[in-house]
């Protein structure tokens, strides 16, 4: 019994230090390492394409699935800004959104395609420069959030998550 307590205490200490057991990242099609090509920037924000690309690369690196440019699996796509109207007539807040369209391919063959949208209100500023700075910061945050969701959507579903067909009914009426 003391050995079991010592093992439990060791696990608790290691967990407190940030150690954890993880399963390797596996994208659809069995892909385990992906290179993210530079995403096309279809927005008026000059840095949004680079921000989305960097966020996608960071997310894959966190999962141990980042790869060099010569990897057979490639993730490419585009990013654009969706703009809304002010949150209300009396508010200086404005709505802004990011849409990431991503395509995962393996040796030129398309494996999966996903489009993720994220939107949020951002406060206006005292002048146009401050408002643009807040808008830009909100766009970067939305790009990071959308990138995280893209990587989740590309992940291969676990075997426990697959949908199984129901068992046929027993003809004798017994279950």
N, C-alpha and C. Protein backbone atom coordinates (compact mmCIF):
# COMPACT_ATOMS: atom_id res chain seq x y z
N UNK A 1 0.81 -1.20 0.00
CA UNK A 1 0.00 0.00 0.00
C UNK A 1 0.85 1.26 0.00
N UNK A 2 1.97 1.32 0.76
CA UNK A 2 2.80 2.53 0.74
C UNK A 2 3.35 2.82 -0.66
N UNK A 3 3.61 1.77 -1.44
CA UNK A 3 4.12 1.97 -2.79
C UNK A 3 3.07 2.64 -3.68
N UNK A 4 1.82 2.26 -3.53
CA UNK A 4 0.74 2.87 -4.30
C UNK A 4 0.59 4.35 -3.93
N UNK A 5 0.72 4.67 -2.66
CA UNK A 5 0.63 6.06 -2.24
C UNK A 5 1.80 6.88 -2.79
N UNK A 6 2.98 6.28 -2.78
CA UNK A 6 4.16 6.97 -3.30
C UNK A 6 4.00 7.22 -4.81
N UNK A 7 3.46 6.25 -5.54
CA UNK A 7 3.24 6.42 -6.97
C UNK A 7 2.20 7.50 -7.23
N UNK A 8 1.15 7.52 -6.42
CA UNK A 8 0.11 8.55 -6.58
C UNK A 8 0.68 9.93 -6.28
N UNK A 9 1.51 10.01 -5.24
CA UNK A 9 2.13 11.29 -4.89
C UNK A 9 3.07 11.75 -5.99
N UNK A 10 3.84 10.84 -6.56
CA UNK A 10 4.74 11.19 -7.66
C UNK A 10 3.95 11.71 -8.86
N UNK A 11 2.85 11.06 -9.19
CA UNK A 11 2.00 11.53 -10.31
C UNK A 11 1.45 12.92 -10.03
N UNK A 12 1.05 13.16 -8.80
CA UNK A 12 0.51 14.46 -8.43
C UNK A 12 1.58 15.55 -8.54
N UNK A 13 2.79 15.25 -8.07
CA UNK A 13 3.89 16.22 -8.15
C UNK A 13 4.24 16.51 -9.60
N UNK A 14 4.33 15.46 -10.42
CA UNK A 14 4.65 15.67 -11.83
C UNK A 14 3.56 16.47 -12.54
N UNK A 15 2.32 16.21 -12.21
CA UNK A 15 1.21 16.97 -12.81
C UNK A 15 1.28 18.43 -12.40
N UNK A 16 1.66 18.70 -11.17
CA UNK A 16 1.78 20.08 -10.70
C UNK A 16 2.92 20.81 -11.41
N UNK A 17 3.93 20.06 -11.85
CA UNK A 17 5.07 20.66 -12.56
C UNK A 17 4.77 20.86 -14.05
N UNK A 18 3.62 20.41 -14.52
CA UNK A 18 3.26 20.60 -15.92
C UNK A 18 3.43 19.37 -16.78
N UNK A 19 3.92 18.28 -16.21
CA UNK A 19 4.06 17.06 -16.99
C UNK A 19 2.70 16.41 -17.16
N UNK A 20 2.48 15.85 -18.34
CA UNK A 20 1.22 15.16 -18.59
C UNK A 20 1.41 14.14 -19.68
N UNK A 21 0.52 13.18 -19.73
CA UNK A 21 0.55 12.17 -20.77
C UNK A 21 -0.32 12.66 -21.91
N UNK A 22 0.22 12.67 -23.10
CA UNK A 22 -0.55 13.13 -24.26
C UNK A 22 -0.51 12.07 -25.34
N UNK A 23 -1.53 12.09 -26.16
CA UNK A 23 -1.53 11.21 -27.32
C UNK A 23 -0.99 12.00 -28.50
N UNK A 24 -0.30 11.36 -29.40
CA UNK A 24 0.25 12.09 -30.54
C UNK A 24 -0.88 12.64 -31.43
N UNK A 25 -0.60 13.79 -32.04
CA UNK A 25 -1.57 14.41 -32.94
C UNK A 25 -1.69 13.57 -34.20
N UNK A 26 -2.91 13.34 -34.62
CA UNK A 26 -3.15 12.58 -35.84
C UNK A 26 -4.25 13.29 -36.61
N UNK A 27 -3.92 13.83 -37.77
CA UNK A 27 -4.91 14.53 -38.59
C UNK A 27 -5.63 13.52 -39.49
N UNK A 28 -6.65 13.98 -40.13
CA UNK A 28 -7.42 13.11 -41.04
C UNK A 28 -6.49 12.53 -42.10
N UNK A 29 -6.76 11.31 -42.46
CA UNK A 29 -5.91 10.64 -43.43
C UNK A 29 -4.68 10.01 -42.79
N UNK A 30 -4.61 10.04 -41.45
CA UNK A 30 -3.48 9.45 -40.75
C UNK A 30 -2.23 10.31 -40.73
N UNK A 31 -2.35 11.57 -41.10
CA UNK A 31 -1.22 12.48 -41.15
C UNK A 31 -0.77 12.84 -39.74
N UNK A 32 0.54 12.73 -39.48
CA UNK A 32 1.02 13.07 -38.14
C UNK A 32 1.92 14.31 -38.12
N UNK A 33 2.43 14.75 -39.26
CA UNK A 33 3.23 15.98 -39.34
C UNK A 33 2.78 16.78 -40.55
N UNK A 34 2.59 18.09 -40.35
CA UNK A 34 2.03 18.96 -41.40
C UNK A 34 2.89 20.21 -41.53
N UNK A 35 3.16 20.59 -42.76
CA UNK A 35 3.81 21.88 -43.02
C UNK A 35 2.73 22.89 -43.38
N UNK A 36 2.79 24.06 -42.75
CA UNK A 36 1.83 25.13 -43.04
C UNK A 36 2.48 26.10 -44.02
N UNK A 37 1.91 26.16 -45.21
CA UNK A 37 2.39 27.13 -46.19
C UNK A 37 1.80 28.50 -45.86
N UNK A 38 2.42 29.54 -46.37
CA UNK A 38 1.93 30.90 -46.12
C UNK A 38 0.50 31.04 -46.63
N UNK A 39 -0.39 31.49 -45.76
CA UNK A 39 -1.79 31.66 -46.14
C UNK A 39 -1.97 32.95 -46.93
N UNK A 40 -2.85 32.88 -47.93
CA UNK A 40 -3.16 34.08 -48.72
C UNK A 40 -3.92 35.06 -47.84
N UNK A 41 -3.57 36.32 -47.97
CA UNK A 41 -4.21 37.36 -47.19
C UNK A 41 -5.24 38.06 -48.09
N UNK A 42 -6.50 37.72 -47.92
CA UNK A 42 -7.58 38.32 -48.69
C UNK A 42 -8.28 39.41 -47.89
N UNK A 43 -7.52 40.08 -47.04
CA UNK A 43 -8.09 41.13 -46.20
C UNK A 43 -7.38 42.45 -46.48
N UNK A 44 -7.90 43.50 -45.90
CA UNK A 44 -7.25 44.80 -46.02
C UNK A 44 -6.19 45.00 -44.95
N UNK A 45 -6.05 44.05 -44.04
CA UNK A 45 -5.06 44.14 -42.97
C UNK A 45 -3.75 43.52 -43.48
N UNK A 46 -2.67 44.31 -43.57
CA UNK A 46 -1.46 43.82 -44.21
C UNK A 46 -0.76 42.67 -43.52
N UNK A 47 -1.00 42.46 -42.23
CA UNK A 47 -0.27 41.42 -41.50
C UNK A 47 -1.12 40.21 -41.12
N UNK A 48 -2.38 40.19 -41.49
CA UNK A 48 -3.27 39.13 -41.02
C UNK A 48 -2.91 37.76 -41.59
N UNK A 49 -2.49 37.69 -42.84
CA UNK A 49 -2.10 36.40 -43.42
C UNK A 49 -0.92 35.80 -42.68
N UNK A 50 0.07 36.62 -42.36
CA UNK A 50 1.24 36.14 -41.62
C UNK A 50 0.85 35.75 -40.20
N UNK A 51 -0.05 36.50 -39.58
CA UNK A 51 -0.49 36.19 -38.21
C UNK A 51 -1.23 34.85 -38.18
N UNK A 52 -2.10 34.61 -39.16
CA UNK A 52 -2.84 33.34 -39.21
C UNK A 52 -1.89 32.18 -39.47
N UNK A 53 -0.94 32.36 -40.38
CA UNK A 53 0.04 31.32 -40.67
C UNK A 53 0.85 30.99 -39.43
N UNK A 54 1.34 32.01 -38.73
CA UNK A 54 2.12 31.80 -37.51
C UNK A 54 1.30 31.11 -36.44
N UNK A 55 0.03 31.48 -36.30
CA UNK A 55 -0.83 30.86 -35.30
C UNK A 55 -1.06 29.38 -35.61
N UNK A 56 -1.25 29.04 -36.88
CA UNK A 56 -1.42 27.63 -37.27
C UNK A 56 -0.15 26.84 -37.01
N UNK A 57 1.00 27.42 -37.34
CA UNK A 57 2.27 26.74 -37.09
C UNK A 57 2.49 26.54 -35.59
N UNK A 58 2.15 27.54 -34.79
CA UNK A 58 2.29 27.42 -33.33
C UNK A 58 1.41 26.30 -32.78
N UNK A 59 0.18 26.23 -33.27
CA UNK A 59 -0.74 25.19 -32.79
C UNK A 59 -0.22 23.80 -33.13
N UNK A 60 0.32 23.63 -34.33
CA UNK A 60 0.87 22.33 -34.70
C UNK A 60 2.13 22.02 -33.89
N UNK A 61 2.96 23.03 -33.65
CA UNK A 61 4.18 22.83 -32.86
C UNK A 61 3.82 22.40 -31.43
N UNK A 62 2.78 22.99 -30.85
CA UNK A 62 2.34 22.60 -29.51
C UNK A 62 1.94 21.13 -29.44
N UNK A 63 1.44 20.64 -30.55
CA UNK A 63 0.99 19.25 -30.60
C UNK A 63 2.08 18.30 -31.12
N UNK A 64 3.26 18.85 -31.42
CA UNK A 64 4.36 18.03 -31.92
C UNK A 64 4.14 17.56 -33.34
N UNK A 65 3.36 18.31 -34.12
CA UNK A 65 3.01 17.88 -35.47
C UNK A 65 3.51 18.83 -36.55
N UNK A 66 4.39 19.76 -36.21
CA UNK A 66 4.92 20.71 -37.18
C UNK A 66 5.96 20.02 -38.05
N UNK A 67 6.03 20.40 -39.31
CA UNK A 67 6.97 19.76 -40.23
C UNK A 67 7.63 20.80 -41.14
N UNK A 68 8.72 20.41 -41.75
CA UNK A 68 9.45 21.27 -42.68
C UNK A 68 8.72 21.36 -44.02
N UNK A 69 9.21 22.24 -44.87
CA UNK A 69 8.54 22.51 -46.15
C UNK A 69 8.50 21.30 -47.07
N UNK A 70 9.41 20.34 -46.90
CA UNK A 70 9.43 19.18 -47.78
C UNK A 70 8.53 18.03 -47.30
N UNK A 71 7.71 18.28 -46.28
CA UNK A 71 6.81 17.25 -45.76
C UNK A 71 5.74 16.91 -46.80
N UNK A 72 5.30 15.66 -46.85
CA UNK A 72 4.26 15.29 -47.82
C UNK A 72 2.90 15.92 -47.52
N UNK A 73 2.62 16.22 -46.24
CA UNK A 73 1.33 16.82 -45.88
C UNK A 73 1.49 18.34 -45.80
N UNK A 74 0.62 19.06 -46.47
CA UNK A 74 0.68 20.51 -46.54
C UNK A 74 -0.68 21.10 -46.16
N UNK A 75 -0.62 22.19 -45.41
CA UNK A 75 -1.83 22.94 -45.07
C UNK A 75 -1.70 24.31 -45.71
N UNK A 76 -2.69 24.65 -46.52
CA UNK A 76 -2.67 25.95 -47.19
C UNK A 76 -4.08 26.51 -47.21
N UNK A 77 -4.18 27.80 -47.52
CA UNK A 77 -5.51 28.40 -47.56
C UNK A 77 -5.45 29.90 -47.59
N UNK A 78 -6.51 30.51 -47.07
CA UNK A 78 -6.62 31.96 -47.11
C UNK A 78 -7.29 32.46 -45.84
N UNK A 79 -7.10 33.75 -45.61
CA UNK A 79 -7.72 34.40 -44.45
C UNK A 79 -8.32 35.71 -44.93
N UNK A 80 -9.50 36.03 -44.40
CA UNK A 80 -10.13 37.30 -44.76
C UNK A 80 -10.83 37.89 -43.55
N UNK A 81 -11.11 39.17 -43.62
CA UNK A 81 -11.79 39.88 -42.55
C UNK A 81 -13.24 40.06 -42.93
N UNK A 82 -14.11 39.79 -41.97
CA UNK A 82 -15.54 40.09 -42.14
C UNK A 82 -15.84 41.22 -41.18
N UNK A 83 -16.46 42.25 -41.67
CA UNK A 83 -16.72 43.43 -40.85
C UNK A 83 -18.21 43.59 -40.67
N UNK A 84 -18.59 43.93 -39.47
CA UNK A 84 -20.00 44.18 -39.17
C UNK A 84 -20.21 45.64 -38.84
N UNK A 85 -21.42 45.95 -38.52
CA UNK A 85 -21.76 47.32 -38.13
C UNK A 85 -21.50 47.49 -36.64
N UNK A 86 -21.63 48.69 -36.16
CA UNK A 86 -21.44 48.97 -34.74
C UNK A 86 -22.38 48.12 -33.90
N UNK A 87 -21.93 47.82 -32.68
CA UNK A 87 -22.74 47.00 -31.78
C UNK A 87 -24.08 47.67 -31.50
N UNK A 88 -24.09 48.98 -31.38
CA UNK A 88 -25.34 49.71 -31.23
C UNK A 88 -25.13 51.13 -31.76
N UNK A 89 -26.21 51.83 -31.94
CA UNK A 89 -26.15 53.19 -32.47
C UNK A 89 -25.40 54.12 -31.53
N UNK A 90 -25.52 53.88 -30.24
CA UNK A 90 -24.93 54.77 -29.23
C UNK A 90 -23.54 54.32 -28.78
N UNK A 91 -23.03 53.27 -29.37
CA UNK A 91 -21.74 52.72 -28.93
C UNK A 91 -20.66 52.97 -29.97
N UNK A 92 -19.44 53.14 -29.50
CA UNK A 92 -18.33 53.27 -30.44
C UNK A 92 -17.71 51.91 -30.75
N UNK A 93 -18.23 50.84 -30.13
CA UNK A 93 -17.73 49.49 -30.39
C UNK A 93 -18.12 49.06 -31.80
N UNK A 94 -17.27 48.27 -32.41
CA UNK A 94 -17.54 47.77 -33.75
C UNK A 94 -17.32 46.26 -33.78
N UNK A 95 -18.03 45.59 -34.64
CA UNK A 95 -17.88 44.15 -34.81
C UNK A 95 -16.88 43.88 -35.93
N UNK A 96 -16.02 42.91 -35.71
CA UNK A 96 -15.06 42.51 -36.72
C UNK A 96 -14.92 40.98 -36.64
N UNK A 97 -14.62 40.37 -37.75
CA UNK A 97 -14.49 38.92 -37.77
C UNK A 97 -13.36 38.46 -38.66
N UNK A 98 -12.94 37.22 -38.44
CA UNK A 98 -11.90 36.58 -39.23
C UNK A 98 -12.46 35.27 -39.77
N UNK A 99 -12.16 34.98 -41.02
CA UNK A 99 -12.55 33.71 -41.62
C UNK A 99 -11.29 33.06 -42.19
N UNK A 100 -11.00 31.85 -41.73
CA UNK A 100 -9.86 31.08 -42.25
C UNK A 100 -10.41 29.91 -43.04
N UNK A 101 -9.97 29.81 -44.28
CA UNK A 101 -10.32 28.67 -45.13
C UNK A 101 -9.03 27.86 -45.31
N UNK A 102 -9.03 26.60 -44.87
CA UNK A 102 -7.82 25.78 -44.91
C UNK A 102 -8.07 24.47 -45.66
N UNK A 103 -7.03 24.05 -46.38
CA UNK A 103 -7.07 22.79 -47.13
C UNK A 103 -5.87 21.94 -46.73
N UNK A 104 -6.13 20.71 -46.27
CA UNK A 104 -5.07 19.77 -45.93
C UNK A 104 -4.92 18.80 -47.09
N UNK A 105 -3.70 18.71 -47.61
CA UNK A 105 -3.46 17.80 -48.72
C UNK A 105 -2.22 16.95 -48.44
N UNK A 106 -2.22 15.79 -49.02
CA UNK A 106 -1.09 14.86 -48.88
C UNK A 106 -0.61 14.51 -50.27
N UNK A 107 0.59 14.94 -50.59
CA UNK A 107 1.19 14.71 -51.91
C UNK A 107 0.25 15.14 -53.03
N UNK A 108 -0.35 16.31 -52.85
CA UNK A 108 -1.22 16.90 -53.86
C UNK A 108 -2.67 16.46 -53.81
N UNK A 109 -3.00 15.45 -53.01
CA UNK A 109 -4.37 14.95 -52.93
C UNK A 109 -5.07 15.60 -51.73
N UNK A 110 -6.22 16.23 -51.98
CA UNK A 110 -6.98 16.90 -50.92
C UNK A 110 -7.54 15.87 -49.94
N UNK A 111 -7.22 16.05 -48.65
CA UNK A 111 -7.73 15.16 -47.61
C UNK A 111 -8.93 15.75 -46.88
N UNK A 112 -8.85 17.05 -46.60
CA UNK A 112 -9.93 17.69 -45.86
C UNK A 112 -9.87 19.20 -46.08
N UNK A 113 -11.04 19.81 -46.04
CA UNK A 113 -11.16 21.24 -46.24
C UNK A 113 -12.08 21.78 -45.15
N UNK A 114 -11.72 22.91 -44.56
CA UNK A 114 -12.51 23.46 -43.46
C UNK A 114 -12.49 24.99 -43.53
N UNK A 115 -13.60 25.60 -43.15
CA UNK A 115 -13.70 27.05 -43.03
C UNK A 115 -14.19 27.36 -41.63
N UNK A 116 -13.43 28.22 -40.94
CA UNK A 116 -13.75 28.61 -39.57
C UNK A 116 -13.91 30.12 -39.51
N UNK A 117 -14.97 30.58 -38.86
CA UNK A 117 -15.21 32.02 -38.68
C UNK A 117 -15.26 32.34 -37.20
N UNK A 118 -14.67 33.44 -36.83
CA UNK A 118 -14.74 33.95 -35.47
C UNK A 118 -15.02 35.44 -35.56
N UNK A 119 -15.88 35.95 -34.68
CA UNK A 119 -16.22 37.38 -34.68
C UNK A 119 -16.28 37.88 -33.24
N UNK A 120 -16.04 39.17 -33.09
CA UNK A 120 -16.04 39.78 -31.76
C UNK A 120 -16.19 41.29 -31.92
N UNK A 121 -16.69 41.91 -30.88
CA UNK A 121 -16.75 43.37 -30.84
C UNK A 121 -15.48 43.89 -30.23
N UNK A 122 -15.05 45.04 -30.70
CA UNK A 122 -13.89 45.70 -30.09
C UNK A 122 -14.26 47.14 -29.79
N UNK A 123 -13.75 47.69 -28.70
CA UNK A 123 -14.09 49.07 -28.36
C UNK A 123 -13.44 50.06 -29.31
N UNK A 124 -14.13 51.12 -29.58
CA UNK A 124 -13.55 52.19 -30.39
C UNK A 124 -12.55 52.96 -29.56
N UNK A 125 -11.84 53.85 -30.20
CA UNK A 125 -10.84 54.63 -29.49
C UNK A 125 -11.17 56.11 -29.53
N UNK A 126 -10.32 56.88 -28.90
CA UNK A 126 -10.50 58.33 -28.86
C UNK A 126 -10.23 58.95 -30.22
N UNK A 127 -9.41 58.28 -31.04
CA UNK A 127 -9.11 58.77 -32.38
C UNK A 127 -8.98 57.56 -33.32
N UNK A 128 -8.90 57.80 -34.63
CA UNK A 128 -8.82 56.68 -35.58
C UNK A 128 -7.61 55.77 -35.37
N UNK A 129 -6.48 56.32 -34.96
CA UNK A 129 -5.29 55.50 -34.74
C UNK A 129 -5.50 54.50 -33.59
N UNK A 130 -6.09 54.97 -32.50
CA UNK A 130 -6.37 54.09 -31.37
C UNK A 130 -7.41 53.03 -31.75
N UNK A 131 -8.43 53.43 -32.50
CA UNK A 131 -9.45 52.48 -32.94
C UNK A 131 -8.84 51.40 -33.82
N UNK A 132 -7.96 51.80 -34.73
CA UNK A 132 -7.33 50.83 -35.63
C UNK A 132 -6.42 49.89 -34.85
N UNK A 133 -5.73 50.39 -33.84
CA UNK A 133 -4.89 49.54 -33.01
C UNK A 133 -5.71 48.49 -32.28
N UNK A 134 -6.84 48.89 -31.75
CA UNK A 134 -7.73 47.94 -31.06
C UNK A 134 -8.31 46.93 -32.04
N UNK A 135 -8.68 47.40 -33.21
CA UNK A 135 -9.20 46.50 -34.25
C UNK A 135 -8.14 45.47 -34.64
N UNK A 136 -6.92 45.94 -34.83
CA UNK A 136 -5.83 45.06 -35.22
C UNK A 136 -5.54 44.01 -34.14
N UNK A 137 -5.54 44.42 -32.88
CA UNK A 137 -5.34 43.47 -31.79
C UNK A 137 -6.44 42.43 -31.72
N UNK A 138 -7.67 42.85 -31.95
CA UNK A 138 -8.80 41.92 -31.95
C UNK A 138 -8.68 40.93 -33.11
N UNK A 139 -8.24 41.41 -34.28
CA UNK A 139 -8.06 40.52 -35.43
C UNK A 139 -7.01 39.45 -35.13
N UNK A 140 -5.91 39.83 -34.49
CA UNK A 140 -4.85 38.86 -34.15
C UNK A 140 -5.39 37.79 -33.18
N UNK A 141 -6.16 38.25 -32.20
CA UNK A 141 -6.74 37.30 -31.24
C UNK A 141 -7.70 36.35 -31.94
N UNK A 142 -8.53 36.89 -32.83
CA UNK A 142 -9.47 36.05 -33.56
C UNK A 142 -8.74 35.06 -34.47
N UNK A 143 -7.63 35.50 -35.08
CA UNK A 143 -6.84 34.60 -35.93
C UNK A 143 -6.27 33.44 -35.11
N UNK A 144 -5.79 33.72 -33.90
CA UNK A 144 -5.28 32.65 -33.03
C UNK A 144 -6.39 31.68 -32.65
N UNK A 145 -7.56 32.22 -32.28
CA UNK A 145 -8.69 31.36 -31.92
C UNK A 145 -9.15 30.50 -33.09
N UNK A 146 -9.23 31.11 -34.27
CA UNK A 146 -9.66 30.38 -35.47
C UNK A 146 -8.63 29.32 -35.85
N UNK A 147 -7.35 29.63 -35.70
CA UNK A 147 -6.29 28.66 -36.02
C UNK A 147 -6.39 27.44 -35.11
N UNK A 148 -6.62 27.67 -33.83
CA UNK A 148 -6.78 26.57 -32.88
C UNK A 148 -7.95 25.68 -33.30
N UNK A 149 -9.04 26.29 -33.73
CA UNK A 149 -10.21 25.53 -34.15
C UNK A 149 -9.96 24.78 -35.46
N UNK A 150 -9.21 25.38 -36.39
CA UNK A 150 -8.86 24.70 -37.64
C UNK A 150 -8.09 23.41 -37.34
N UNK A 151 -7.10 23.50 -36.47
CA UNK A 151 -6.30 22.32 -36.13
C UNK A 151 -7.16 21.26 -35.45
N UNK A 152 -8.08 21.68 -34.60
CA UNK A 152 -9.02 20.72 -33.97
C UNK A 152 -9.90 20.04 -35.01
N UNK A 153 -10.40 20.83 -35.96
CA UNK A 153 -11.28 20.27 -37.01
C UNK A 153 -10.54 19.29 -37.92
N UNK A 154 -9.25 19.52 -38.12
CA UNK A 154 -8.47 18.63 -38.99
C UNK A 154 -8.08 17.34 -38.28
N UNK A 155 -8.19 17.33 -36.95
CA UNK A 155 -7.80 16.16 -36.19
C UNK A 155 -8.69 14.98 -36.52
N UNK A 156 -8.05 13.83 -36.65
CA UNK A 156 -8.78 12.60 -36.94
C UNK A 156 -9.61 12.23 -35.72
N UNK A 157 -10.89 11.91 -35.91
CA UNK A 157 -11.71 11.53 -34.75
C UNK A 157 -11.16 10.27 -34.11
N UNK A 158 -11.21 10.24 -32.79
CA UNK A 158 -10.77 9.06 -32.05
C UNK A 158 -11.73 7.91 -32.34
N UNK A 159 -11.23 6.69 -32.16
CA UNK A 159 -12.06 5.52 -32.45
C UNK A 159 -13.33 5.52 -31.60
N UNK A 160 -13.24 6.06 -30.39
CA UNK A 160 -14.42 6.09 -29.52
C UNK A 160 -15.47 7.09 -29.99
N UNK A 161 -15.05 8.02 -30.88
CA UNK A 161 -15.98 9.03 -31.37
C UNK A 161 -16.66 8.64 -32.67
N UNK A 162 -16.25 7.51 -33.26
CA UNK A 162 -16.85 7.11 -34.53
C UNK A 162 -18.27 6.64 -34.29
N UNK A 163 -19.10 6.89 -35.25
CA UNK A 163 -20.51 6.50 -35.14
C UNK A 163 -20.64 5.05 -35.57
N UNK A 164 -21.23 4.26 -34.74
CA UNK A 164 -21.42 2.85 -35.04
C UNK A 164 -22.89 2.59 -35.38
N UNK A 165 -23.10 1.68 -36.31
CA UNK A 165 -24.46 1.32 -36.68
C UNK A 165 -25.11 0.57 -35.53
N UNK A 166 -26.40 0.80 -35.30
CA UNK A 166 -27.08 0.08 -34.21
C UNK A 166 -27.15 -1.41 -34.51
N UNK A 167 -27.13 -2.20 -33.44
CA UNK A 167 -27.23 -3.65 -33.61
C UNK A 167 -28.62 -3.99 -34.07
N UNK A 168 -28.76 -4.98 -34.97
CA UNK A 168 -30.11 -5.37 -35.39
C UNK A 168 -30.86 -6.01 -34.23
N UNK A 169 -32.16 -5.84 -34.23
CA UNK A 169 -33.00 -6.40 -33.17
C UNK A 169 -32.96 -7.92 -33.23
N UNK A 170 -33.02 -8.55 -32.08
CA UNK A 170 -33.02 -10.01 -31.99
C UNK A 170 -34.40 -10.51 -32.45
N UNK A 171 -34.41 -11.39 -33.45
CA UNK A 171 -35.71 -11.84 -33.96
C UNK A 171 -36.53 -12.60 -32.92
N UNK A 172 -35.89 -13.19 -31.90
CA UNK A 172 -36.62 -13.96 -30.90
C UNK A 172 -37.18 -13.06 -29.81
N UNK A 173 -36.94 -11.76 -29.88
CA UNK A 173 -37.46 -10.83 -28.91
C UNK A 173 -36.58 -10.67 -27.69
N UNK A 174 -35.45 -11.42 -27.65
CA UNK A 174 -34.54 -11.31 -26.53
C UNK A 174 -33.44 -10.31 -26.87
N UNK A 175 -32.94 -9.62 -25.88
CA UNK A 175 -31.86 -8.67 -26.11
C UNK A 175 -30.58 -9.13 -25.51
